Amino acid sequence: MYHPSVLLFISLLFTLPFFLTSTQAQESLQVACGSDGEILHNSTLVGLSGEHDIRTTLRTCPGFANKSANSSNSRGLTAPKKKRDFVQCTPLDCALVVCANFTYHQPQISDCEYLTRAVMNLGNITIPMTSLYQVTFNTCSFEFANEDQEDYIVCWLDFALNSLTSAERCFGSYPSMCSTAGAQCRETDPENSYFWRLQIVYPYSGPGT
């Protein structure tokens, strides 16, 4: 019987695509979201300990709404079609992982591993258009930014494994000099042509965190 950490490594090895990695400057999702959004809900999930130790937050993002409206006009999109009657998860294939100090504090990779194991088998979640969803355990927060004008159905497995792989690339070797206090995974390059992003950071509670 394999140890859970070994099974997690095997899942990462065979599930995820090849990532390109960059250390270029990049704004945090909190900055891009804007400071005047509305908290739609705060909740908790049951973690591996059996306790409600996983925190979740969903907020609206005026910054995403402005960007999405401009981008959709430029690519000639119309209003979203009615929802399908079956569940089809939005593909989360990271074209680029960006390593940067999005917050001042360093997430602990062990907390990110715990978070991954706790949520990877939960099925799927619907993340509304132009919103930011955060799921957090202790020092590690996985965040999904839906910057599009339609709701996304996100598989927890893809969300968690892509987040952990990005974290491993950017700060898995902390306190190595090349480690950064955060990571982003995005679907396309160049900048501003994407409609979703993942971010892995120390839980953000305001400037200076």
C-alpha atoms as a PDB file:
ATOM      1  CA  MET A   1       0.000   0.000   0.000  1.00  0.00           C
ATOM      2  CA  TYR A   2       1.483   3.322  -1.064  1.00  0.00           C
ATOM      3  CA  HIS A   3       1.831   6.221   1.377  1.00  0.00           C
ATOM      4  CA  PRO A   4      -0.652   9.074   0.553  1.00  0.00           C
ATOM      5  CA  SER A   5       2.216  11.385  -0.455  1.00  0.00           C
ATOM      6  CA  VAL A   6       3.443   8.770  -2.961  1.00  0.00           C
ATOM      7  CA  LEU A   7      -0.038   8.421  -4.438  1.00  0.00           C
ATOM      8  CA  LEU A   8      -0.282  12.194  -4.740  1.00  0.00           C
ATOM      9  CA  PHE A   9       3.051  12.321  -6.581  1.00  0.00           C
ATOM     10  CA  ILE A  10       1.896   9.591  -8.987  1.00  0.00           C
ATOM     11  CA  SER A  11      -1.332  11.537  -9.657  1.00  0.00           C
ATOM     12  CA  LEU A  12       0.675  14.672 -10.434  1.00  0.00           C
ATOM     13  CA  LEU A  13       3.048  12.769 -12.694  1.00  0.00           C
ATOM     14  CA  PHE A  14       0.400  11.215 -14.914  1.00  0.00           C
ATOM     15  CA  THR A  15      -2.411  13.798 -14.779  1.00  0.00           C
ATOM     16  CA  LEU A  16      -0.788  17.130 -15.571  1.00  0.00           C
ATOM     17  CA  PRO A  17       0.518  18.662 -18.800  1.00  0.00           C
ATOM     18  CA  PHE A  18       3.985  20.074 -19.317  1.00  0.00           C
ATOM     19  CA  PHE A  19       4.246  23.622 -17.953  1.00  0.00           C
ATOM     20  CA  LEU A  20       6.441  26.490 -19.023  1.00  0.00           C
ATOM     21  CA  THR A  21       7.685  28.532 -16.077  1.00  0.00           C
ATOM     22  CA  SER A  22       8.298  32.266 -15.889  1.00  0.00           C
ATOM     23  CA  THR A  23       9.475  34.604 -13.124  1.00  0.00           C
ATOM     24  CA  GLN A  24       8.171  37.745 -14.827  1.00  0.00           C
ATOM     25  CA  ALA A  25       6.370  40.496 -12.925  1.00  0.00           C
ATOM     26  CA  GLN A  26       2.650  39.862 -12.587  1.00  0.00           C
ATOM     27  CA  GLU A  27      -0.211  41.469 -10.677  1.00  0.00           C
ATOM     28  CA  SER A  28      -1.918  39.451  -7.973  1.00  0.00           C
ATOM     29  CA  LEU A  29      -5.486  38.280  -8.462  1.00  0.00           C
ATOM     30  CA  GLN A  30      -6.574  40.448  -5.537  1.00  0.00           C
ATOM     31  CA  VAL A  31      -5.285  43.571  -7.309  1.00  0.00           C
ATOM     32  CA  ALA A  32      -6.856  42.515 -10.609  1.00  0.00           C
ATOM     33  CA  CYS A  33     -10.167  41.700  -8.874  1.00  0.00           C
ATOM     34  CA  GLY A  34     -10.528  45.191  -7.407  1.00  0.00           C
ATOM     35  CA  SER A  35     -11.203  46.376  -3.874  1.00  0.00           C
ATOM     36  CA  ASP A  36     -14.930  47.088  -4.169  1.00  0.00           C
ATOM     37  CA  GLY A  37     -16.257  43.611  -4.913  1.00  0.00           C
ATOM     38  CA  GLU A  38     -18.963  41.868  -2.881  1.00  0.00           C
ATOM     39  CA  ILE A  39     -18.440  38.761  -0.740  1.00  0.00           C
ATOM     40  CA  LEU A  40     -21.033  36.275  -2.001  1.00  0.00           C
ATOM     41  CA  HIS A  41     -20.273  33.643   0.627  1.00  0.00           C
ATOM     42  CA  ASN A  42     -17.835  32.424   3.259  1.00  0.00           C
ATOM     43  CA  SER A  43     -17.999  28.751   4.134  1.00  0.00           C
ATOM     44  CA  THR A  44     -15.988  25.753   5.341  1.00  0.00           C
ATOM     45  CA  LEU A  45     -15.256  22.238   4.101  1.00  0.00           C
ATOM     46  CA  VAL A  46     -14.384  19.143   6.109  1.00  0.00           C
ATOM     47  CA  GLY A  47     -10.664  18.381   5.848  1.00  0.00           C
ATOM     48  CA  LEU A  48      -8.689  15.184   6.304  1.00  0.00           C
ATOM     49  CA  SER A  49      -8.865  15.575  10.088  1.00  0.00           C
ATOM     50  CA  GLY A  50     -12.663  15.367  10.031  1.00  0.00           C
ATOM     51  CA  GLU A  51     -12.858  18.981  11.186  1.00  0.00           C
ATOM     52  CA  HIS A  52     -14.138  21.973   9.220  1.00  0.00           C
ATOM     53  CA  ASP A  53     -10.596  23.267   8.715  1.00  0.00           C
ATOM     54  CA  ILE A  54     -10.861  24.258   5.015  1.00  0.00           C
ATOM     55  CA  ARG A  55     -12.153  27.796   4.435  1.00  0.00           C
ATOM     56  CA  THR A  56     -13.795  28.987   1.198  1.00  0.00           C
ATOM     57  CA  THR A  57     -14.671  32.475  -0.055  1.00  0.00           C
ATOM     58  CA  LEU A  58     -16.402  33.621  -3.242  1.00  0.00           C
ATOM     59  CA  ARG A  59     -16.360  37.289  -4.223  1.00  0.00           C
ATOM     60  CA  THR A  60     -17.372  39.381  -7.212  1.00  0.00           C
ATOM     61  CA  CYS A  61     -14.633  41.214  -9.106  1.00  0.00           C
ATOM     62  CA  PRO A  62     -15.402  44.538 -10.827  1.00  0.00           C
ATOM     63  CA  GLY A  63     -11.881  44.499 -12.270  1.00  0.00           C
ATOM     64  CA  PHE A  64     -12.568  41.188 -14.009  1.00  0.00           C
ATOM     65  CA  ALA A  65     -15.928  42.461 -15.260  1.00  0.00           C
ATOM     66  CA  ASN A  66     -14.325  45.485 -16.940  1.00  0.00           C
ATOM     67  CA  LYS A  67     -11.598  43.392 -18.545  1.00  0.00           C
ATOM     68  CA  SER A  68     -14.028  40.678 -19.645  1.00  0.00           C
ATOM     69  CA  ALA A  69     -16.411  43.148 -21.282  1.00  0.00           C
ATOM     70  CA  ASN A  70     -13.582  44.725 -23.264  1.00  0.00           C
ATOM     71  CA  SER A  71     -12.077  41.379 -24.241  1.00  0.00           C
ATOM     72  CA  SER A  72     -15.380  39.821 -25.312  1.00  0.00           C
ATOM     73  CA  ASN A  73     -16.193  42.809 -27.501  1.00  0.00           C
ATOM     74  CA  SER A  74     -12.845  42.451 -29.220  1.00  0.00           C
ATOM     75  CA  ARG A  75     -13.417  38.747 -29.940  1.00  0.00           C
ATOM     76  CA  GLY A  76     -17.067  39.171 -30.980  1.00  0.00           C
ATOM     77  CA  LEU A  77     -18.696  37.071 -28.258  1.00  0.00           C
ATOM     78  CA  THR A  78     -22.432  37.028 -27.675  1.00  0.00           C
ATOM     79  CA  ALA A  79     -24.325  36.353 -24.451  1.00  0.00           C
ATOM     80  CA  PRO A  80     -23.690  32.898 -22.927  1.00  0.00           C
ATOM     81  CA  LYS A  81     -25.926  30.109 -24.190  1.00  0.00           C
ATOM     82  CA  LYS A  82     -28.227  28.270 -21.804  1.00  0.00           C
ATOM     83  CA  LYS A  83     -26.503  25.808 -19.501  1.00  0.00           C
ATOM     84  CA  ARG A  84     -25.985  22.213 -20.621  1.00  0.00           C
ATOM     85  CA  ASP A  85     -27.991  19.448 -18.965  1.00  0.00           C
ATOM     86  CA  PHE A  86     -24.800  17.497 -18.192  1.00  0.00           C
ATOM     87  CA  VAL A  87     -21.649  18.381 -16.296  1.00  0.00           C
ATOM     88  CA  GLN A  88     -18.586  19.148 -18.413  1.00  0.00           C
ATOM     89  CA  CYS A  89     -15.655  20.579 -16.528  1.00  0.00           C
ATOM     90  CA  THR A  90     -13.787  23.562 -17.936  1.00  0.00           C
ATOM     91  CA  PRO A  91     -10.379  22.297 -19.175  1.00  0.00           C
ATOM     92  CA  LEU A  92      -7.593  23.614 -16.936  1.00  0.00           C
ATOM     93  CA  ASP A  93      -4.436  23.286 -19.026  1.00  0.00           C
ATOM     94  CA  CYS A  94      -1.719  25.646 -17.794  1.00  0.00           C
ATOM     95  CA  ALA A  95       0.273  27.138 -20.649  1.00  0.00           C
ATOM     96  CA  LEU A  96       2.457  29.140 -18.275  1.00  0.00           C
ATOM     97  CA  VAL A  97       3.333  29.135 -14.570  1.00  0.00           C
ATOM     98  CA  VAL A  98       4.376  32.543 -13.233  1.00  0.00           C
ATOM     99  CA  CYS A  99       6.449  32.641 -10.033  1.00  0.00           C
ATOM    100  CA  ALA A 100       6.300  35.935  -8.111  1.00  0.00           C
ATOM    101  CA  ASN A 101       5.976  37.427  -4.628  1.00  0.00           C
ATOM    102  CA  PHE A 102       2.242  38.062  -4.758  1.00  0.00           C
ATOM    103  CA  THR A 103       2.149  38.438  -0.958  1.00  0.00           C
ATOM    104  CA  TYR A 104       4.840  39.080   1.635  1.00  0.00           C
ATOM    105  CA  HIS A 105       4.543  35.745   3.440  1.00  0.00           C
ATOM    106  CA  GLN A 106       5.559  32.285   2.267  1.00  0.00           C
ATOM    107  CA  PRO A 107       2.956  29.501   1.962  1.00  0.00           C
ATOM    108  CA  GLN A 108       4.097  26.186   3.431  1.00  0.00           C
ATOM    109  CA  ILE A 109       4.175  23.487   0.753  1.00  0.00           C
ATOM    110  CA  SER A 110       2.987  20.916   3.323  1.00  0.00           C
ATOM    111  CA  ASP A 111      -0.210  22.955   3.794  1.00  0.00           C
ATOM    112  CA  CYS A 112      -0.706  23.035   0.008  1.00  0.00           C
ATOM    113  CA  GLU A 113      -0.278  19.249  -0.117  1.00  0.00           C
ATOM    114  CA  TYR A 114      -2.838  18.798   2.675  1.00  0.00           C
ATOM    115  CA  LEU A 115      -5.264  21.113   0.867  1.00  0.00           C
ATOM    116  CA  THR A 116      -4.847  19.157  -2.361  1.00  0.00           C
ATOM    117  CA  ARG A 117      -5.572  15.809  -0.711  1.00  0.00           C
ATOM    118  CA  ALA A 118      -8.567  17.285   1.129  1.00  0.00           C
ATOM    119  CA  VAL A 119     -10.394  18.679  -1.926  1.00  0.00           C
ATOM    120  CA  MET A 120      -9.219  16.711  -4.983  1.00  0.00           C
ATOM    121  CA  ASN A 121     -12.043  14.154  -4.798  1.00  0.00           C
ATOM    122  CA  LEU A 122     -14.951  16.541  -4.152  1.00  0.00           C
ATOM    123  CA  GLY A 123     -16.302  16.433  -7.727  1.00  0.00           C
ATOM    124  CA  ASN A 124     -16.903  19.849  -9.259  1.00  0.00           C
ATOM    125  CA  ILE A 125     -17.868  23.400  -8.395  1.00  0.00           C
ATOM    126  CA  THR A 126     -19.526  26.176 -10.423  1.00  0.00           C
ATOM    127  CA  ILE A 127     -17.614  29.463 -10.296  1.00  0.00           C
ATOM    128  CA  PRO A 128     -19.682  32.416 -11.546  1.00  0.00           C
ATOM    129  CA  MET A 129     -18.449  34.770 -14.233  1.00  0.00           C
ATOM    130  CA  THR A 130     -16.118  37.618 -13.188  1.00  0.00           C
ATOM    131  CA  SER A 131     -15.558  36.231  -9.697  1.00  0.00           C
ATOM    132  CA  LEU A 132     -12.712  34.998  -7.498  1.00  0.00           C
ATOM    133  CA  TYR A 133     -13.007  31.737  -5.556  1.00  0.00           C
ATOM    134  CA  GLN A 134     -10.568  30.942  -2.726  1.00  0.00           C
ATOM    135  CA  VAL A 135     -10.084  27.700  -0.807  1.00  0.00           C
ATOM    136  CA  THR A 136      -7.635  27.860   2.100  1.00  0.00           C
ATOM    137  CA  PHE A 137      -5.916  25.669   4.658  1.00  0.00           C
ATOM    138  CA  ASN A 138      -3.620  27.315   7.184  1.00  0.00           C
ATOM    139  CA  THR A 139      -0.854  29.108   5.189  1.00  0.00           C
ATOM    140  CA  CYS A 140      -1.910  27.971   1.709  1.00  0.00           C
ATOM    141  CA  SER A 141      -4.689  29.382  -0.461  1.00  0.00           C
ATOM    142  CA  PHE A 142      -5.704  28.029  -3.898  1.00  0.00           C
ATOM    143  CA  GLU A 143      -7.575  30.674  -5.898  1.00  0.00           C
ATOM    144  CA  PHE A 144      -9.530  30.468  -9.151  1.00  0.00           C
ATOM    145  CA  ALA A 145     -10.208  33.663 -11.085  1.00  0.00           C
ATOM    146  CA  ASN A 146     -13.022  33.449 -13.625  1.00  0.00           C
ATOM    147  CA  GLU A 147     -12.381  36.503 -15.767  1.00  0.00           C
ATOM    148  CA  ASP A 148     -14.842  35.454 -18.475  1.00  0.00           C
ATOM    149  CA  GLN A 149     -18.477  36.396 -19.096  1.00  0.00           C
ATOM    150  CA  GLU A 150     -19.843  32.926 -18.463  1.00  0.00           C
ATOM    151  CA  ASP A 151     -19.903  30.579 -15.489  1.00  0.00           C
ATOM    152  CA  TYR A 152     -17.252  27.853 -15.339  1.00  0.00           C
ATOM    153  CA  ILE A 153     -17.748  24.327 -14.017  1.00  0.00           C
ATOM    154  CA  VAL A 154     -14.425  23.440 -12.429  1.00  0.00           C
ATOM    155  CA  CYS A 155     -13.331  19.930 -11.444  1.00  0.00           C
ATOM    156  CA  TRP A 156     -11.727  19.928  -8.008  1.00  0.00           C
ATOM    157  CA  LEU A 157      -9.140  17.387  -9.186  1.00  0.00           C
ATOM    158  CA  ASP A 158      -7.843  19.663 -11.959  1.00  0.00           C
ATOM    159  CA  PHE A 159      -8.028  22.756  -9.751  1.00  0.00           C
ATOM    160  CA  ALA A 160      -6.078  21.146  -6.903  1.00  0.00           C
ATOM    161  CA  LEU A 161      -3.426  19.288  -8.913  1.00  0.00           C
ATOM    162  CA  ASN A 162      -2.643  22.241 -11.192  1.00  0.00           C
ATOM    163  CA  SER A 163      -2.397  24.484  -8.133  1.00  0.00           C
ATOM    164  CA  LEU A 164      -0.069  22.116  -6.285  1.00  0.00           C
ATOM    165  CA  THR A 165       2.176  21.586  -9.319  1.00  0.00           C
ATOM    166  CA  SER A 166       2.497  25.358  -9.756  1.00  0.00           C
ATOM    167  CA  ALA A 167       3.301  25.733  -6.060  1.00  0.00           C
ATOM    168  CA  GLU A 168       5.951  22.999  -6.256  1.00  0.00           C
ATOM    169  CA  ARG A 169       7.638  24.766  -9.161  1.00  0.00           C
ATOM    170  CA  CYS A 170       7.707  28.182  -7.498  1.00  0.00           C
ATOM    171  CA  PHE A 171       8.293  27.539  -3.796  1.00  0.00           C
ATOM    172  CA  GLY A 172       8.528  23.803  -3.226  1.00  0.00           C
ATOM    173  CA  SER A 173      12.271  24.220  -2.551  1.00  0.00           C
ATOM    174  CA  TYR A 174      11.838  27.072  -0.021  1.00  0.00           C
ATOM    175  CA  PRO A 175      14.044  28.548   1.531  1.00  0.00           C
ATOM    176  CA  SER A 176      16.056  28.255  -1.690  1.00  0.00           C
ATOM    177  CA  MET A 177      17.041  31.637  -3.165  1.00  0.00           C
ATOM    178  CA  CYS A 178      14.978  30.914  -6.285  1.00  0.00           C
ATOM    179  CA  SER A 179      11.745  30.382  -4.329  1.00  0.00           C
ATOM    180  CA  THR A 180       8.961  32.959  -4.583  1.00  0.00           C
ATOM    181  CA  ALA A 181       6.092  33.650  -2.193  1.00  0.00           C
ATOM    182  CA  GLY A 182       3.417  32.603  -4.650  1.00  0.00           C
ATOM    183  CA  ALA A 183       2.565  31.121  -8.030  1.00  0.00           C
ATOM    184  CA  GLN A 184       0.092  31.664 -10.854  1.00  0.00           C
ATOM    185  CA  CYS A 185      -1.031  29.259 -13.539  1.00  0.00           C
ATOM    186  CA  ARG A 186      -2.751  30.633 -16.610  1.00  0.00           C
ATOM    187  CA  GLU A 187      -4.207  29.196 -19.759  1.00  0.00           C
ATOM    188  CA  THR A 188      -2.453  31.281 -22.416  1.00  0.00           C
ATOM    189  CA  ASP A 189       0.433  33.553 -23.186  1.00  0.00           C
ATOM    190  CA  PRO A 190       0.788  36.496 -23.915  1.00  0.00           C
ATOM    191  CA  GLU A 191      -0.612  38.441 -20.986  1.00  0.00           C
ATOM    192  CA  ASN A 192      -4.239  39.671 -21.004  1.00  0.00           C
ATOM    193  CA  SER A 193      -5.420  37.079 -23.530  1.00  0.00           C
ATOM    194  CA  TYR A 194      -6.563  34.606 -20.859  1.00  0.00           C
ATOM    195  CA  PHE A 195      -9.985  34.181 -19.263  1.00  0.00           C
ATOM    196  CA  TRP A 196      -9.088  32.212 -16.145  1.00  0.00           C
ATOM    197  CA  ARG A 197      -6.104  32.073 -13.788  1.00  0.00           C
ATOM    198  CA  LEU A 198      -5.094  30.025 -10.769  1.00  0.00           C
ATOM    199  CA  GLN A 199      -3.099  31.549  -7.934  1.00  0.00           C
ATOM    200  CA  ILE A 200      -1.386  29.888  -4.984  1.00  0.00           C
ATOM    201  CA  VAL A 201      -0.461  32.254  -2.149  1.00  0.00           C
ATOM    202  CA  TYR A 202      -0.439  32.885   1.576  1.00  0.00           C
ATOM    203  CA  PRO A 203      -4.066  33.800   2.506  1.00  0.00           C
ATOM    204  CA  TYR A 204      -4.645  37.423   1.555  1.00  0.00           C
ATOM    205  CA  SER A 205      -6.380  39.700   4.063  1.00  0.00           C
ATOM    206  CA  GLY A 206      -5.239  43.116   2.843  1.00  0.00           C
ATOM    207  CA  PRO A 207      -2.124  45.152   2.072  1.00  0.00           C
ATOM    208  CA  GLY A 208       0.983  43.923   3.838  1.00  0.00           C
ATOM    209  CA  THR A 209      -0.013  40.253   3.957  1.00  0.00           C
END
